[in-house]
Amino acid sequence: MEVTTEKNDQVANLIFASIYPHYLNRLERNGRTKAELDQVIEWFTGFDQETLQTLIDEKVTFGSFFQKAKINQNAHLITGVVCGYRIENIADEFDTYKQCRRMEKLIDELAKGRKMEKILRVPKN
């Protein structure tokens, strides 16, 4: 599937605080914790717990969320298919959509029981 400008804008305008509880509920149903979710988000975005909570309280959009983030230098190692989109094939012009799908891939892996050291990618030497 191809990402469009409309799809990128639609995701960019979603409120992060409205989606975060869905991430958390999914993980808790699968025996994972809020601390693990926040650890994955912190690795990906650089947001510590306090900053993350502030962004939730401010009801920032995904567009603003990712603009403020310091995306991990190893984020390019996040590959695969999420919601029918192959992450590595999403054009750079749709950065918000790509970052959202990368984060969802990490959360998906966490929900499926993957070990944290595998989720938090480290490049192979």
N, C-alpha and C. Protein backbone atom coordinates (compact mmCIF):
# COMPACT_ATOMS: atom_id res chain seq x y z
N MET A 1 0.85 -1.18 0.00
CA MET A 1 0.00 0.00 0.00
C MET A 1 0.89 1.24 0.00
N GLU A 2 0.36 2.27 -0.60
CA GLU A 2 1.10 3.54 -0.70
C GLU A 2 0.55 4.55 0.31
N VAL A 3 1.45 5.28 0.92
CA VAL A 3 1.06 6.37 1.81
C VAL A 3 0.77 7.59 0.96
N THR A 4 -0.28 8.32 1.33
CA THR A 4 -0.62 9.55 0.62
C THR A 4 -0.43 10.75 1.55
N THR A 5 -0.42 11.91 0.98
CA THR A 5 -0.33 13.14 1.78
C THR A 5 -1.52 13.21 2.74
N GLU A 6 -2.69 12.82 2.25
CA GLU A 6 -3.90 12.85 3.10
C GLU A 6 -3.75 11.92 4.29
N LYS A 7 -3.21 10.72 4.07
CA LYS A 7 -3.03 9.74 5.15
C LYS A 7 -2.01 10.26 6.15
N ASN A 8 -0.91 10.82 5.66
CA ASN A 8 0.11 11.39 6.54
C ASN A 8 -0.49 12.51 7.39
N ASP A 9 -1.27 13.40 6.75
CA ASP A 9 -1.89 14.51 7.48
C ASP A 9 -2.91 14.01 8.50
N GLN A 10 -3.65 12.98 8.13
CA GLN A 10 -4.65 12.41 9.04
C GLN A 10 -3.97 11.89 10.31
N VAL A 11 -2.87 11.16 10.16
CA VAL A 11 -2.14 10.63 11.31
C VAL A 11 -1.51 11.78 12.09
N ALA A 12 -0.95 12.76 11.39
CA ALA A 12 -0.30 13.90 12.05
C ALA A 12 -1.27 14.67 12.94
N ASN A 13 -2.56 14.65 12.60
CA ASN A 13 -3.56 15.41 13.36
C ASN A 13 -4.22 14.61 14.48
N LEU A 14 -3.90 13.32 14.59
CA LEU A 14 -4.43 12.52 15.70
C LEU A 14 -3.78 12.98 17.00
N ILE A 15 -4.55 12.95 18.08
CA ILE A 15 -4.03 13.33 19.39
C ILE A 15 -3.34 12.12 20.02
N PHE A 16 -2.07 12.27 20.35
CA PHE A 16 -1.31 11.16 20.93
C PHE A 16 -1.99 10.63 22.20
N ALA A 17 -2.49 11.51 23.03
CA ALA A 17 -3.13 11.10 24.29
C ALA A 17 -4.37 10.22 24.06
N SER A 18 -5.00 10.33 22.90
CA SER A 18 -6.18 9.51 22.63
C SER A 18 -5.79 8.10 22.18
N ILE A 19 -4.56 7.91 21.72
CA ILE A 19 -4.09 6.61 21.24
C ILE A 19 -3.28 5.87 22.30
N TYR A 20 -2.57 6.60 23.13
CA TYR A 20 -1.72 6.00 24.17
C TYR A 20 -2.47 4.96 25.01
N PRO A 21 -3.69 5.24 25.49
CA PRO A 21 -4.40 4.22 26.29
C PRO A 21 -4.66 2.92 25.51
N HIS A 22 -4.83 3.01 24.21
CA HIS A 22 -5.04 1.81 23.39
C HIS A 22 -3.75 0.98 23.35
N TYR A 23 -2.61 1.66 23.21
CA TYR A 23 -1.33 0.97 23.27
C TYR A 23 -1.20 0.24 24.61
N LEU A 24 -1.47 0.98 25.69
CA LEU A 24 -1.32 0.43 27.03
C LEU A 24 -2.27 -0.75 27.28
N ASN A 25 -3.53 -0.61 26.88
CA ASN A 25 -4.49 -1.70 27.08
C ASN A 25 -4.05 -2.96 26.35
N ARG A 26 -3.59 -2.80 25.13
CA ARG A 26 -3.14 -3.96 24.36
C ARG A 26 -1.99 -4.66 25.06
N LEU A 27 -1.04 -3.89 25.54
CA LEU A 27 0.12 -4.47 26.20
C LEU A 27 -0.25 -5.15 27.51
N GLU A 28 -1.09 -4.50 28.29
CA GLU A 28 -1.49 -5.09 29.57
C GLU A 28 -2.26 -6.39 29.38
N ARG A 29 -3.07 -6.47 28.32
CA ARG A 29 -3.77 -7.73 28.00
C ARG A 29 -2.79 -8.85 27.68
N ASN A 30 -1.61 -8.46 27.23
CA ASN A 30 -0.59 -9.44 26.86
C ASN A 30 0.49 -9.59 27.93
N GLY A 31 0.20 -9.11 29.14
CA GLY A 31 1.11 -9.30 30.26
C GLY A 31 2.29 -8.36 30.32
N ARG A 32 2.26 -7.29 29.57
CA ARG A 32 3.33 -6.29 29.60
C ARG A 32 2.87 -5.11 30.45
N THR A 33 3.78 -4.19 30.75
CA THR A 33 3.49 -3.12 31.70
C THR A 33 3.61 -1.73 31.07
N LYS A 34 3.06 -0.76 31.78
CA LYS A 34 3.19 0.64 31.38
C LYS A 34 4.65 1.05 31.37
N ALA A 35 5.41 0.57 32.34
CA ALA A 35 6.84 0.90 32.40
C ALA A 35 7.56 0.41 31.14
N GLU A 36 7.19 -0.77 30.65
CA GLU A 36 7.81 -1.29 29.43
C GLU A 36 7.40 -0.46 28.22
N LEU A 37 6.12 -0.07 28.15
CA LEU A 37 5.66 0.79 27.06
C LEU A 37 6.43 2.09 27.07
N ASP A 38 6.53 2.71 28.24
CA ASP A 38 7.23 3.98 28.34
C ASP A 38 8.73 3.84 28.02
N GLN A 39 9.32 2.69 28.36
CA GLN A 39 10.72 2.44 28.04
C GLN A 39 10.93 2.39 26.53
N VAL A 40 10.03 1.72 25.84
CA VAL A 40 10.11 1.62 24.38
C VAL A 40 9.93 3.01 23.75
N ILE A 41 8.95 3.76 24.23
CA ILE A 41 8.71 5.11 23.69
C ILE A 41 9.91 6.01 23.98
N GLU A 42 10.49 5.88 25.18
CA GLU A 42 11.66 6.70 25.52
C GLU A 42 12.84 6.35 24.61
N TRP A 43 13.08 5.06 24.36
CA TRP A 43 14.17 4.67 23.48
C TRP A 43 13.96 5.27 22.08
N PHE A 44 12.73 5.21 21.60
CA PHE A 44 12.44 5.67 20.24
C PHE A 44 12.45 7.19 20.11
N THR A 45 11.88 7.89 21.09
CA THR A 45 11.68 9.34 20.97
C THR A 45 12.61 10.20 21.81
N GLY A 46 13.21 9.61 22.83
CA GLY A 46 14.03 10.39 23.75
C GLY A 46 13.23 11.04 24.87
N PHE A 47 11.91 10.85 24.89
CA PHE A 47 11.07 11.47 25.92
C PHE A 47 11.13 10.66 27.22
N ASP A 48 11.58 11.31 28.31
CA ASP A 48 11.54 10.62 29.60
C ASP A 48 10.09 10.61 30.11
N GLN A 49 9.87 9.94 31.23
CA GLN A 49 8.51 9.76 31.75
C GLN A 49 7.81 11.09 31.98
N GLU A 50 8.52 12.06 32.54
CA GLU A 50 7.92 13.36 32.83
C GLU A 50 7.52 14.10 31.55
N THR A 51 8.40 14.10 30.57
CA THR A 51 8.11 14.76 29.29
C THR A 51 6.95 14.07 28.58
N LEU A 52 6.96 12.74 28.60
CA LEU A 52 5.88 11.99 27.96
C LEU A 52 4.54 12.34 28.60
N GLN A 53 4.50 12.39 29.92
CA GLN A 53 3.25 12.73 30.61
C GLN A 53 2.82 14.15 30.28
N THR A 54 3.76 15.07 30.18
CA THR A 54 3.43 16.46 29.82
C THR A 54 2.80 16.50 28.42
N LEU A 55 3.37 15.76 27.48
CA LEU A 55 2.83 15.73 26.13
C LEU A 55 1.42 15.13 26.10
N ILE A 56 1.21 14.12 26.92
CA ILE A 56 -0.13 13.51 27.04
C ILE A 56 -1.10 14.55 27.61
N ASP A 57 -0.69 15.21 28.69
CA ASP A 57 -1.55 16.21 29.35
C ASP A 57 -1.86 17.38 28.41
N GLU A 58 -0.90 17.75 27.57
CA GLU A 58 -1.10 18.86 26.63
C GLU A 58 -1.90 18.46 25.39
N LYS A 59 -2.17 17.14 25.28
CA LYS A 59 -2.93 16.61 24.14
C LYS A 59 -2.31 17.02 22.80
N VAL A 60 -1.00 16.80 22.68
CA VAL A 60 -0.31 17.12 21.43
C VAL A 60 -0.71 16.13 20.34
N THR A 61 -0.63 16.59 19.11
CA THR A 61 -0.89 15.72 17.97
C THR A 61 0.34 14.86 17.71
N PHE A 62 0.16 13.79 16.92
CA PHE A 62 1.30 12.97 16.53
C PHE A 62 2.31 13.82 15.76
N GLY A 63 1.84 14.75 14.94
CA GLY A 63 2.75 15.62 14.20
C GLY A 63 3.66 16.38 15.14
N SER A 64 3.09 17.00 16.15
CA SER A 64 3.86 17.75 17.13
C SER A 64 4.73 16.82 17.97
N PHE A 65 4.18 15.68 18.34
CA PHE A 65 4.89 14.68 19.13
C PHE A 65 6.20 14.29 18.46
N PHE A 66 6.13 13.96 17.17
CA PHE A 66 7.33 13.54 16.46
C PHE A 66 8.25 14.71 16.10
N GLN A 67 7.70 15.91 15.95
CA GLN A 67 8.56 17.08 15.71
C GLN A 67 9.43 17.36 16.93
N LYS A 68 8.87 17.14 18.14
CA LYS A 68 9.60 17.40 19.38
C LYS A 68 10.57 16.27 19.73
N ALA A 69 10.35 15.10 19.16
CA ALA A 69 11.14 13.91 19.50
C ALA A 69 12.56 13.98 18.93
N LYS A 70 13.45 13.31 19.64
CA LYS A 70 14.80 13.08 19.14
C LYS A 70 14.83 11.59 18.78
N ILE A 71 14.43 11.29 17.55
CA ILE A 71 14.29 9.90 17.12
C ILE A 71 15.64 9.18 17.25
N ASN A 72 15.60 8.00 17.83
CA ASN A 72 16.80 7.21 18.05
C ASN A 72 17.56 6.98 16.75
N GLN A 73 18.87 7.10 16.83
CA GLN A 73 19.71 6.94 15.64
C GLN A 73 19.61 5.55 15.02
N ASN A 74 19.12 4.58 15.77
CA ASN A 74 18.97 3.22 15.24
C ASN A 74 17.55 2.93 14.76
N ALA A 75 16.71 3.94 14.68
CA ALA A 75 15.32 3.74 14.25
C ALA A 75 15.24 3.16 12.85
N HIS A 76 16.24 3.42 12.02
CA HIS A 76 16.24 2.86 10.65
C HIS A 76 16.29 1.33 10.65
N LEU A 77 16.65 0.74 11.79
CA LEU A 77 16.70 -0.72 11.90
C LEU A 77 15.32 -1.33 12.14
N ILE A 78 14.31 -0.48 12.35
CA ILE A 78 12.94 -0.97 12.55
C ILE A 78 12.34 -1.20 11.17
N THR A 79 12.15 -2.46 10.84
CA THR A 79 11.63 -2.82 9.53
C THR A 79 10.47 -3.79 9.70
N GLY A 80 9.76 -4.02 8.62
CA GLY A 80 8.66 -4.97 8.65
C GLY A 80 7.37 -4.31 8.23
N VAL A 81 6.28 -5.05 8.39
CA VAL A 81 4.96 -4.60 7.95
C VAL A 81 4.09 -4.29 9.16
N VAL A 82 3.47 -3.12 9.13
CA VAL A 82 2.50 -2.71 10.14
C VAL A 82 1.30 -2.15 9.42
N CYS A 83 0.13 -2.68 9.71
CA CYS A 83 -1.12 -2.21 9.10
C CYS A 83 -1.05 -2.21 7.57
N GLY A 84 -0.36 -3.20 7.01
CA GLY A 84 -0.29 -3.32 5.56
C GLY A 84 0.77 -2.46 4.90
N TYR A 85 1.53 -1.71 5.68
CA TYR A 85 2.57 -0.84 5.12
C TYR A 85 3.95 -1.38 5.51
N ARG A 86 4.82 -1.57 4.54
CA ARG A 86 6.20 -1.96 4.81
C ARG A 86 6.94 -0.70 5.21
N ILE A 87 7.38 -0.66 6.46
CA ILE A 87 7.97 0.55 7.05
C ILE A 87 9.12 1.10 6.22
N GLU A 88 10.02 0.23 5.82
CA GLU A 88 11.21 0.70 5.10
C GLU A 88 10.90 1.25 3.72
N ASN A 89 9.69 1.01 3.22
CA ASN A 89 9.29 1.52 1.90
C ASN A 89 8.48 2.81 1.97
N ILE A 90 8.19 3.29 3.18
CA ILE A 90 7.44 4.55 3.32
C ILE A 90 8.39 5.70 2.99
N ALA A 91 7.99 6.52 2.05
CA ALA A 91 8.83 7.64 1.59
C ALA A 91 9.13 8.61 2.73
N ASP A 92 10.33 9.18 2.71
CA ASP A 92 10.76 10.12 3.75
C ASP A 92 9.86 11.36 3.82
N GLU A 93 9.20 11.69 2.71
CA GLU A 93 8.32 12.87 2.73
C GLU A 93 7.13 12.67 3.67
N PHE A 94 6.83 11.43 4.02
CA PHE A 94 5.73 11.11 4.94
C PHE A 94 6.30 10.73 6.31
N ASP A 95 7.16 11.60 6.83
CA ASP A 95 7.91 11.32 8.05
C ASP A 95 7.02 11.00 9.25
N THR A 96 5.96 11.76 9.45
CA THR A 96 5.10 11.51 10.61
C THR A 96 4.49 10.12 10.52
N TYR A 97 4.02 9.76 9.36
CA TYR A 97 3.42 8.45 9.17
C TYR A 97 4.46 7.35 9.41
N LYS A 98 5.65 7.55 8.89
CA LYS A 98 6.72 6.57 9.04
C LYS A 98 7.10 6.39 10.51
N GLN A 99 7.25 7.50 11.23
CA GLN A 99 7.61 7.41 12.65
C GLN A 99 6.51 6.75 13.46
N CYS A 100 5.27 7.05 13.13
CA CYS A 100 4.14 6.44 13.83
C CYS A 100 4.16 4.93 13.61
N ARG A 101 4.37 4.50 12.40
CA ARG A 101 4.41 3.06 12.09
C ARG A 101 5.61 2.39 12.75
N ARG A 102 6.74 3.08 12.81
CA ARG A 102 7.90 2.52 13.51
C ARG A 102 7.58 2.30 14.99
N MET A 103 6.98 3.29 15.61
CA MET A 103 6.64 3.16 17.02
C MET A 103 5.63 2.03 17.23
N GLU A 104 4.65 1.93 16.34
CA GLU A 104 3.66 0.86 16.44
C GLU A 104 4.30 -0.51 16.27
N LYS A 105 5.32 -0.61 15.44
CA LYS A 105 6.05 -1.87 15.26
C LYS A 105 6.72 -2.27 16.56
N LEU A 106 7.34 -1.32 17.23
CA LEU A 106 7.99 -1.61 18.52
C LEU A 106 6.96 -2.08 19.54
N ILE A 107 5.82 -1.39 19.59
CA ILE A 107 4.77 -1.75 20.53
C ILE A 107 4.20 -3.12 20.20
N ASP A 108 4.05 -3.41 18.91
CA ASP A 108 3.57 -4.71 18.46
C ASP A 108 4.53 -5.82 18.92
N GLU A 109 5.81 -5.60 18.76
CA GLU A 109 6.80 -6.58 19.18
C GLU A 109 6.75 -6.80 20.69
N LEU A 110 6.56 -5.73 21.44
CA LEU A 110 6.44 -5.82 22.89
C LEU A 110 5.21 -6.65 23.26
N ALA A 111 4.09 -6.38 22.61
CA ALA A 111 2.85 -7.11 22.88
C ALA A 111 2.99 -8.60 22.56
N LYS A 112 3.80 -8.91 21.57
CA LYS A 112 3.98 -10.31 21.17
C LYS A 112 5.01 -11.04 22.02
N GLY A 113 5.55 -10.35 23.02
CA GLY A 113 6.45 -11.00 23.96
C GLY A 113 7.92 -11.00 23.59
N ARG A 114 8.28 -10.22 22.61
CA ARG A 114 9.69 -10.15 22.21
C ARG A 114 10.51 -9.56 23.35
N LYS A 115 11.73 -10.02 23.51
CA LYS A 115 12.60 -9.52 24.57
C LYS A 115 12.98 -8.06 24.31
N MET A 116 13.06 -7.31 25.39
CA MET A 116 13.33 -5.87 25.30
C MET A 116 14.65 -5.60 24.58
N GLU A 117 15.67 -6.42 24.82
CA GLU A 117 16.96 -6.17 24.17
C GLU A 117 16.89 -6.36 22.65
N LYS A 118 15.91 -7.10 22.17
CA LYS A 118 15.70 -7.25 20.72
C LYS A 118 14.88 -6.07 20.17
N ILE A 119 13.93 -5.61 20.96
CA ILE A 119 13.08 -4.50 20.53
C ILE A 119 13.88 -3.21 20.39
N LEU A 120 14.76 -2.96 21.38
CA LEU A 120 15.58 -1.76 21.38
C LEU A 120 16.82 -2.04 20.53
N ARG A 121 16.68 -1.82 19.26
CA ARG A 121 17.67 -2.24 18.28
C ARG A 121 19.06 -1.66 18.51
N VAL A 122 20.02 -2.56 18.31
CA VAL A 122 21.43 -2.20 18.32
C VAL A 122 22.01 -2.71 17.01
N PRO A 123 22.74 -1.86 16.28
CA PRO A 123 23.27 -2.32 15.00
C PRO A 123 24.27 -3.46 15.18
N LYS A 124 24.27 -4.38 14.22
CA LYS A 124 25.23 -5.49 14.24
C LYS A 124 26.54 -4.99 13.68
N ASN A 125 27.62 -5.38 14.34
CA ASN A 125 28.95 -4.95 13.88
C ASN A 125 29.46 -5.84 12.78
